[in-house]
Amino acid sequence: MKALPMAENVAGAPELAAQPGRVVDRKILELLVCPVTKQPLDYDAVRGELISRAARLAYPIRNGIPVMLVDEARQLDESGGG
């Protein structure tokens, strides 16, 4: 299994581990977009989140399942990071 560096776009990655022992299918991640902006997401392997830079939101991945609810997303700071 190949892990992506922090906040790299998911295209081209085989499988992505959201949490130890949990794997998120790359094809599913490629299909997901930000529910607010409809823009592609970046995968943060360190935090186990999908990042929407346009909306400045980080969507959590819990038990290998991306939680694409705005109410569950973490607001990013002005620089676009944590």
PDB file of N, CA and C in Angstrom:
ATOM      1  N   MET A   1       0.845  -1.174   0.000  1.00  0.00           N
ATOM      2  CA  MET A   1       0.000   0.000   0.000  1.00  0.00           C
ATOM      3  C   MET A   1       0.888   1.234   0.000  1.00  0.00           C
ATOM      4  N   LYS A   2       0.589   2.180  -0.884  1.00  0.00           N
ATOM      5  CA  LYS A   2       1.364   3.409  -1.000  1.00  0.00           C
ATOM      6  C   LYS A   2       0.620   4.529  -0.291  1.00  0.00           C
ATOM      7  N   ALA A   3       1.269   5.226   0.617  1.00  0.00           N
ATOM      8  CA  ALA A   3       0.659   6.365   1.313  1.00  0.00           C
ATOM      9  C   ALA A   3       1.036   7.637   0.579  1.00  0.00           C
ATOM     10  N   LEU A   4       0.102   8.552   0.499  1.00  0.00           N
ATOM     11  CA  LEU A   4       0.366   9.838  -0.135  1.00  0.00           C
ATOM     12  C   LEU A   4       0.967  10.810   0.864  1.00  0.00           C
ATOM     13  N   PRO A   5       1.819  11.695   0.406  1.00  0.00           N
ATOM     14  CA  PRO A   5       2.279  12.768   1.288  1.00  0.00           C
ATOM     15  C   PRO A   5       1.094  13.641   1.675  1.00  0.00           C
ATOM     16  N   MET A   6       1.249  14.410   2.710  1.00  0.00           N
ATOM     17  CA  MET A   6       0.170  15.244   3.233  1.00  0.00           C
ATOM     18  C   MET A   6      -0.435  16.128   2.149  1.00  0.00           C
ATOM     19  N   ALA A   7      -1.745  16.108   2.073  1.00  0.00           N
ATOM     20  CA  ALA A   7      -2.532  16.989   1.216  1.00  0.00           C
ATOM     21  C   ALA A   7      -2.188  16.881  -0.257  1.00  0.00           C
ATOM     22  N   GLU A   8      -1.895  15.699  -0.722  1.00  0.00           N
ATOM     23  CA  GLU A   8      -1.666  15.482  -2.148  1.00  0.00           C
ATOM     24  C   GLU A   8      -2.984  15.075  -2.784  1.00  0.00           C
ATOM     25  N   ASN A   9      -3.185  15.457  -4.021  1.00  0.00           N
ATOM     26  CA  ASN A   9      -4.392  15.069  -4.726  1.00  0.00           C
ATOM     27  C   ASN A   9      -4.441  13.549  -4.829  1.00  0.00           C
ATOM     28  N   VAL A  10      -5.637  12.963  -4.754  1.00  0.00           N
ATOM     29  CA  VAL A  10      -5.774  11.514  -4.691  1.00  0.00           C
ATOM     30  C   VAL A  10      -5.541  10.814  -6.021  1.00  0.00           C
ATOM     31  N   ALA A  11      -5.559  11.499  -7.119  1.00  0.00           N
ATOM     32  CA  ALA A  11      -5.392  10.849  -8.419  1.00  0.00           C
ATOM     33  C   ALA A  11      -4.036  10.159  -8.499  1.00  0.00           C
ATOM     34  N   GLY A  12      -4.053   8.911  -8.949  1.00  0.00           N
ATOM     35  CA  GLY A  12      -2.819   8.176  -9.142  1.00  0.00           C
ATOM     36  C   GLY A  12      -2.356   7.373  -7.951  1.00  0.00           C
ATOM     37  N   ALA A  13      -3.005   7.497  -6.800  1.00  0.00           N
ATOM     38  CA  ALA A  13      -2.617   6.717  -5.623  1.00  0.00           C
ATOM     39  C   ALA A  13      -3.380   5.397  -5.621  1.00  0.00           C
ATOM     40  N   PRO A  14      -2.746   4.294  -5.235  1.00  0.00           N
ATOM     41  CA  PRO A  14      -3.443   3.008  -5.242  1.00  0.00           C
ATOM     42  C   PRO A  14      -4.534   2.941  -4.180  1.00  0.00           C
ATOM     43  N   GLU A  15      -4.167   2.758  -2.934  1.00  0.00           N
ATOM     44  CA  GLU A  15      -5.140   2.734  -1.843  1.00  0.00           C
ATOM     45  C   GLU A  15      -4.614   3.669  -0.773  1.00  0.00           C
ATOM     46  N   LEU A  16      -5.517   4.282  -0.037  1.00  0.00           N
ATOM     47  CA  LEU A  16      -5.125   5.276   0.940  1.00  0.00           C
ATOM     48  C   LEU A  16      -5.597   4.851   2.314  1.00  0.00           C
ATOM     49  N   ALA A  17      -4.702   4.798   3.277  1.00  0.00           N
ATOM     50  CA  ALA A  17      -5.065   4.415   4.639  1.00  0.00           C
ATOM     51  C   ALA A  17      -5.523   5.649   5.394  1.00  0.00           C
ATOM     52  N   ALA A  18      -6.778   5.670   5.812  1.00  0.00           N
ATOM     53  CA  ALA A  18      -7.302   6.791   6.582  1.00  0.00           C
ATOM     54  C   ALA A  18      -6.938   6.638   8.049  1.00  0.00           C
ATOM     55  N   GLN A  19      -6.909   5.419   8.527  1.00  0.00           N
ATOM     56  CA  GLN A  19      -6.556   5.109   9.896  1.00  0.00           C
ATOM     57  C   GLN A  19      -5.859   3.765   9.866  1.00  0.00           C
ATOM     58  N   PRO A  20      -5.036   3.490  10.863  1.00  0.00           N
ATOM     59  CA  PRO A  20      -4.385   2.181  10.870  1.00  0.00           C
ATOM     60  C   PRO A  20      -5.410   1.060  10.737  1.00  0.00           C
ATOM     61  N   GLY A  21      -5.186   0.168   9.798  1.00  0.00           N
ATOM     62  CA  GLY A  21      -6.097  -0.955   9.605  1.00  0.00           C
ATOM     63  C   GLY A  21      -7.296  -0.637   8.742  1.00  0.00           C
ATOM     64  N   ARG A  22      -7.462   0.620   8.374  1.00  0.00           N
ATOM     65  CA  ARG A  22      -8.599   1.034   7.551  1.00  0.00           C
ATOM     66  C   ARG A  22      -8.083   1.554   6.223  1.00  0.00           C
ATOM     67  N   VAL A  23      -8.705   1.151   5.132  1.00  0.00           N
ATOM     68  CA  VAL A  23      -8.269   1.577   3.814  1.00  0.00           C
ATOM     69  C   VAL A  23      -9.445   2.203   3.081  1.00  0.00           C
ATOM     70  N   VAL A  24      -9.188   3.327   2.430  1.00  0.00           N
ATOM     71  CA  VAL A  24     -10.182   3.998   1.617  1.00  0.00           C
ATOM     72  C   VAL A  24      -9.810   3.744   0.163  1.00  0.00           C
ATOM     73  N   ASP A  25     -10.758   3.300  -0.608  1.00  0.00           N
ATOM     74  CA  ASP A  25     -10.512   2.984  -2.019  1.00  0.00           C
ATOM     75  C   ASP A  25     -10.227   4.262  -2.805  1.00  0.00           C
ATOM     76  N   ARG A  26      -9.130   4.258  -3.555  1.00  0.00           N
ATOM     77  CA  ARG A  26      -8.720   5.419  -4.358  1.00  0.00           C
ATOM     78  C   ARG A  26      -9.816   5.845  -5.329  1.00  0.00           C
ATOM     79  N   LYS A  27     -10.481   4.882  -5.945  1.00  0.00           N
ATOM     80  CA  LYS A  27     -11.510   5.214  -6.941  1.00  0.00           C
ATOM     81  C   LYS A  27     -12.666   5.978  -6.311  1.00  0.00           C
ATOM     82  N   ILE A  28     -13.017   5.606  -5.097  1.00  0.00           N
ATOM     83  CA  ILE A  28     -14.089   6.334  -4.400  1.00  0.00           C
ATOM     84  C   ILE A  28     -13.640   7.760  -4.118  1.00  0.00           C
ATOM     85  N   LEU A  29     -12.411   7.911  -3.649  1.00  0.00           N
ATOM     86  CA  LEU A  29     -11.914   9.254  -3.342  1.00  0.00           C
ATOM     87  C   LEU A  29     -11.835  10.131  -4.582  1.00  0.00           C
ATOM     88  N   GLU A  30     -11.514   9.532  -5.720  1.00  0.00           N
ATOM     89  CA  GLU A  30     -11.453  10.302  -6.961  1.00  0.00           C
ATOM     90  C   GLU A  30     -12.828  10.822  -7.375  1.00  0.00           C
ATOM     91  N   LEU A  31     -13.882  10.120  -6.989  1.00  0.00           N
ATOM     92  CA  LEU A  31     -15.243  10.532  -7.344  1.00  0.00           C
ATOM     93  C   LEU A  31     -15.791  11.615  -6.429  1.00  0.00           C
ATOM     94  N   LEU A  32     -15.272  11.681  -5.217  1.00  0.00           N
ATOM     95  CA  LEU A  32     -15.792  12.641  -4.246  1.00  0.00           C
ATOM     96  C   LEU A  32     -15.335  14.055  -4.563  1.00  0.00           C
ATOM     97  N   VAL A  33     -16.241  14.994  -4.364  1.00  0.00           N
ATOM     98  CA  VAL A  33     -15.930  16.416  -4.481  1.00  0.00           C
ATOM     99  C   VAL A  33     -16.475  17.122  -3.252  1.00  0.00           C
ATOM    100  N   CYS A  34     -16.030  18.323  -3.025  1.00  0.00           N
ATOM    101  CA  CYS A  34     -16.531  19.112  -1.904  1.00  0.00           C
ATOM    102  C   CYS A  34     -18.020  19.373  -2.117  1.00  0.00           C
ATOM    103  N   PRO A  35     -18.861  19.094  -1.117  1.00  0.00           N
ATOM    104  CA  PRO A  35     -20.294  19.343  -1.279  1.00  0.00           C
ATOM    105  C   PRO A  35     -20.646  20.829  -1.384  1.00  0.00           C
ATOM    106  N   VAL A  36     -19.744  21.696  -0.962  1.00  0.00           N
ATOM    107  CA  VAL A  36     -19.983  23.137  -1.025  1.00  0.00           C
ATOM    108  C   VAL A  36     -19.575  23.701  -2.376  1.00  0.00           C
ATOM    109  N   THR A  37     -18.344  23.402  -2.808  1.00  0.00           N
ATOM    110  CA  THR A  37     -17.796  24.023  -4.012  1.00  0.00           C
ATOM    111  C   THR A  37     -17.845  23.134  -5.253  1.00  0.00           C
ATOM    112  N   LYS A  38     -18.060  21.837  -5.046  1.00  0.00           N
ATOM    113  CA  LYS A  38     -18.042  20.838  -6.132  1.00  0.00           C
ATOM    114  C   LYS A  38     -16.657  20.714  -6.769  1.00  0.00           C
ATOM    115  N   GLN A  39     -15.616  21.142  -6.059  1.00  0.00           N
ATOM    116  CA  GLN A  39     -14.235  21.072  -6.516  1.00  0.00           C
ATOM    117  C   GLN A  39     -13.578  19.791  -6.000  1.00  0.00           C
ATOM    118  N   PRO A  40     -12.499  19.337  -6.660  1.00  0.00           N
ATOM    119  CA  PRO A  40     -11.773  18.153  -6.191  1.00  0.00           C
ATOM    120  C   PRO A  40     -11.208  18.360  -4.785  1.00  0.00           C
ATOM    121  N   LEU A  41     -10.928  17.244  -4.116  1.00  0.00           N
ATOM    122  CA  LEU A  41     -10.405  17.269  -2.760  1.00  0.00           C
ATOM    123  C   LEU A  41      -8.976  16.753  -2.734  1.00  0.00           C
ATOM    124  N   ASP A  42      -8.201  17.189  -1.752  1.00  0.00           N
ATOM    125  CA  ASP A  42      -6.866  16.678  -1.502  1.00  0.00           C
ATOM    126  C   ASP A  42      -6.935  15.771  -0.279  1.00  0.00           C
ATOM    127  N   TYR A  43      -6.092  14.750  -0.253  1.00  0.00           N
ATOM    128  CA  TYR A  43      -6.069  13.805   0.852  1.00  0.00           C
ATOM    129  C   TYR A  43      -4.924  14.140   1.802  1.00  0.00           C
ATOM    130  N   ASP A  44      -5.240  14.319   3.070  1.00  0.00           N
ATOM    131  CA  ASP A  44      -4.240  14.552   4.109  1.00  0.00           C
ATOM    132  C   ASP A  44      -4.055  13.241   4.861  1.00  0.00           C
ATOM    133  N   ALA A  45      -2.991  12.508   4.531  1.00  0.00           N
ATOM    134  CA  ALA A  45      -2.762  11.192   5.118  1.00  0.00           C
ATOM    135  C   ALA A  45      -2.433  11.282   6.602  1.00  0.00           C
ATOM    136  N   VAL A  46      -1.821  12.370   7.029  1.00  0.00           N
ATOM    137  CA  VAL A  46      -1.434  12.520   8.423  1.00  0.00           C
ATOM    138  C   VAL A  46      -2.661  12.661   9.311  1.00  0.00           C
ATOM    139  N   ARG A  47      -3.600  13.479   8.893  1.00  0.00           N
ATOM    140  CA  ARG A  47      -4.797  13.725   9.704  1.00  0.00           C
ATOM    141  C   ARG A  47      -5.982  12.840   9.335  1.00  0.00           C
ATOM    142  N   GLY A  48      -5.881  12.130   8.224  1.00  0.00           N
ATOM    143  CA  GLY A  48      -6.996  11.301   7.792  1.00  0.00           C
ATOM    144  C   GLY A  48      -8.200  12.145   7.410  1.00  0.00           C
ATOM    145  N   GLU A  49      -7.951  13.141   6.560  1.00  0.00           N
ATOM    146  CA  GLU A  49      -9.003  14.065   6.143  1.00  0.00           C
ATOM    147  C   GLU A  49      -8.940  14.306   4.643  1.00  0.00           C
ATOM    148  N   LEU A  50     -10.068  14.720   4.101  1.00  0.00           N
ATOM    149  CA  LEU A  50     -10.137  15.197   2.718  1.00  0.00           C
ATOM    150  C   LEU A  50     -10.261  16.709   2.794  1.00  0.00           C
ATOM    151  N   ILE A  51      -9.383  17.399   2.086  1.00  0.00           N
ATOM    152  CA  ILE A  51      -9.274  18.850   2.191  1.00  0.00           C
ATOM    153  C   ILE A  51      -9.899  19.537   0.985  1.00  0.00           C
ATOM    154  N   SER A  52     -10.787  20.494   1.273  1.00  0.00           N
ATOM    155  CA  SER A  52     -11.314  21.375   0.245  1.00  0.00           C
ATOM    156  C   SER A  52     -10.665  22.733   0.443  1.00  0.00           C
ATOM    157  N   ARG A  53      -9.679  23.036  -0.412  1.00  0.00           N
ATOM    158  CA  ARG A  53      -8.984  24.317  -0.285  1.00  0.00           C
ATOM    159  C   ARG A  53      -9.914  25.485  -0.638  1.00  0.00           C
ATOM    160  N   ALA A  54     -10.785  25.279  -1.610  1.00  0.00           N
ATOM    161  CA  ALA A  54     -11.695  26.348  -2.035  1.00  0.00           C
ATOM    162  C   ALA A  54     -12.664  26.738  -0.917  1.00  0.00           C
ATOM    163  N   ALA A  55     -13.183  25.764  -0.182  1.00  0.00           N
ATOM    164  CA  ALA A  55     -14.128  26.043   0.901  1.00  0.00           C
ATOM    165  C   ALA A  55     -13.425  26.216   2.242  1.00  0.00           C
ATOM    166  N   ARG A  56     -12.089  25.917   2.269  1.00  0.00           N
ATOM    167  CA  ARG A  56     -11.309  25.954   3.510  1.00  0.00           C
ATOM    168  C   ARG A  56     -11.928  25.048   4.571  1.00  0.00           C
ATOM    169  N   LEU A  57     -12.255  23.803   4.138  1.00  0.00           N
ATOM    170  CA  LEU A  57     -12.834  22.807   5.036  1.00  0.00           C
ATOM    171  C   LEU A  57     -12.047  21.506   4.936  1.00  0.00           C
ATOM    172  N   ALA A  58     -11.996  20.767   6.051  1.00  0.00           N
ATOM    173  CA  ALA A  58     -11.358  19.449   6.099  1.00  0.00           C
ATOM    174  C   ALA A  58     -12.417  18.444   6.545  1.00  0.00           C
ATOM    175  N   TYR A  59     -12.750  17.513   5.654  1.00  0.00           N
ATOM    176  CA  TYR A  59     -13.755  16.496   5.941  1.00  0.00           C
ATOM    177  C   TYR A  59     -13.076  15.270   6.548  1.00  0.00           C
ATOM    178  N   PRO A  60     -13.562  14.784   7.693  1.00  0.00           N
ATOM    179  CA  PRO A  60     -12.911  13.645   8.341  1.00  0.00           C
ATOM    180  C   PRO A  60     -13.190  12.330   7.620  1.00  0.00           C
ATOM    181  N   ILE A  61     -12.277  11.385   7.822  1.00  0.00           N
ATOM    182  CA  ILE A  61     -12.487  10.014   7.367  1.00  0.00           C
ATOM    183  C   ILE A  61     -12.551   9.175   8.632  1.00  0.00           C
ATOM    184  N   ARG A  62     -13.697   8.558   8.872  1.00  0.00           N
ATOM    185  CA  ARG A  62     -13.899   7.767  10.089  1.00  0.00           C
ATOM    186  C   ARG A  62     -14.159   6.318   9.726  1.00  0.00           C
ATOM    187  N   ASN A  63     -13.381   5.434  10.317  1.00  0.00           N
ATOM    188  CA  ASN A  63     -13.518   3.996  10.052  1.00  0.00           C
ATOM    189  C   ASN A  63     -13.461   3.695   8.562  1.00  0.00           C
ATOM    190  N   GLY A  64     -12.610   4.437   7.847  1.00  0.00           N
ATOM    191  CA  GLY A  64     -12.444   4.218   6.423  1.00  0.00           C
ATOM    192  C   GLY A  64     -13.522   4.837   5.553  1.00  0.00           C
ATOM    193  N   ILE A  65     -14.426   5.610   6.146  1.00  0.00           N
ATOM    194  CA  ILE A  65     -15.540   6.209   5.406  1.00  0.00           C
ATOM    195  C   ILE A  65     -15.421   7.733   5.440  1.00  0.00           C
ATOM    196  N   PRO A  66     -15.315   8.371   4.271  1.00  0.00           N
ATOM    197  CA  PRO A  66     -15.294   9.842   4.240  1.00  0.00           C
ATOM    198  C   PRO A  66     -16.646  10.403   4.696  1.00  0.00           C
ATOM    199  N   VAL A  67     -16.593  11.325   5.640  1.00  0.00           N
ATOM    200  CA  VAL A  67     -17.803  11.971   6.158  1.00  0.00           C
ATOM    201  C   VAL A  67     -17.918  13.323   5.455  1.00  0.00           C
ATOM    202  N   MET A  68     -18.777  13.383   4.439  1.00  0.00           N
ATOM    203  CA  MET A  68     -18.873  14.560   3.592  1.00  0.00           C
ATOM    204  C   MET A  68     -19.998  15.498   4.021  1.00  0.00           C
ATOM    205  N   LEU A  69     -20.104  15.731   5.310  1.00  0.00           N
ATOM    206  CA  LEU A  69     -21.110  16.634   5.860  1.00  0.00           C
ATOM    207  C   LEU A  69     -20.430  17.923   6.310  1.00  0.00           C
ATOM    208  N   VAL A  70     -20.950  19.054   5.872  1.00  0.00           N
ATOM    209  CA  VAL A  70     -20.365  20.346   6.222  1.00  0.00           C
ATOM    210  C   VAL A  70     -20.343  20.523   7.738  1.00  0.00           C
ATOM    211  N   ASP A  71     -21.382  20.060   8.424  1.00  0.00           N
ATOM    212  CA  ASP A  71     -21.444  20.190   9.884  1.00  0.00           C
ATOM    213  C   ASP A  71     -20.355  19.393  10.590  1.00  0.00           C
ATOM    214  N   GLU A  72     -19.811  18.378   9.940  1.00  0.00           N
ATOM    215  CA  GLU A  72     -18.756  17.547  10.527  1.00  0.00           C
ATOM    216  C   GLU A  72     -17.357  18.005  10.113  1.00  0.00           C
ATOM    217  N   ALA A  73     -17.277  18.912   9.155  1.00  0.00           N
ATOM    218  CA  ALA A  73     -15.983  19.369   8.635  1.00  0.00           C
ATOM    219  C   ALA A  73     -15.311  20.342   9.602  1.00  0.00           C
ATOM    220  N   ARG A  74     -13.987  20.310   9.568  1.00  0.00           N
ATOM    221  CA  ARG A  74     -13.187  21.218  10.367  1.00  0.00           C
ATOM    222  C   ARG A  74     -12.817  22.415   9.496  1.00  0.00           C
ATOM    223  N   GLN A  75     -12.976  23.619  10.064  1.00  0.00           N
ATOM    224  CA  GLN A  75     -12.620  24.856   9.348  1.00  0.00           C
ATOM    225  C   GLN A  75     -11.108  24.997   9.321  1.00  0.00           C
ATOM    226  N   LEU A  76     -10.537  25.253   8.129  1.00  0.00           N
ATOM    227  CA  LEU A  76      -9.102  25.483   8.005  1.00  0.00           C
ATOM    228  C   LEU A  76      -8.792  26.938   8.298  1.00  0.00           C
ATOM    229  N   ASP A  77      -7.573  27.186   8.761  1.00  0.00           N
ATOM    230  CA  ASP A  77      -7.174  28.554   9.022  1.00  0.00           C
ATOM    231  C   ASP A  77      -6.923  29.297   7.707  1.00  0.00           C
ATOM    232  N   GLU A  78      -6.565  30.559   7.795  1.00  0.00           N
ATOM    233  CA  GLU A  78      -6.384  31.413   6.606  1.00  0.00           C
ATOM    234  C   GLU A  78      -5.352  30.884   5.626  1.00  0.00           C
ATOM    235  N   SER A  79      -4.310  30.211   6.113  1.00  0.00           N
ATOM    236  CA  SER A  79      -3.258  29.723   5.238  1.00  0.00           C
ATOM    237  C   SER A  79      -3.673  28.460   4.506  1.00  0.00           C
ATOM    238  N   GLY A  80      -4.851  27.887   4.853  1.00  0.00           N
ATOM    239  CA  GLY A  80      -5.328  26.687   4.203  1.00  0.00           C
ATOM    240  C   GLY A  80      -4.887  25.423   4.900  1.00  0.00           C
ATOM    241  N   GLY A  81      -4.133  25.555   5.987  1.00  0.00           N
ATOM    242  CA  GLY A  81      -3.674  24.393   6.749  1.00  0.00           C
ATOM    243  C   GLY A  81      -4.487  24.209   8.009  1.00  0.00           C
ATOM    244  N   GLY A  82      -3.972  23.332   8.888  1.00  0.00           N
ATOM    245  CA  GLY A  82      -4.643  22.971  10.127  1.00  0.00           C
ATOM    246  C   GLY A  82      -4.782  24.071  11.067  1.00  0.00           C
TER     247      GLY A  82
END
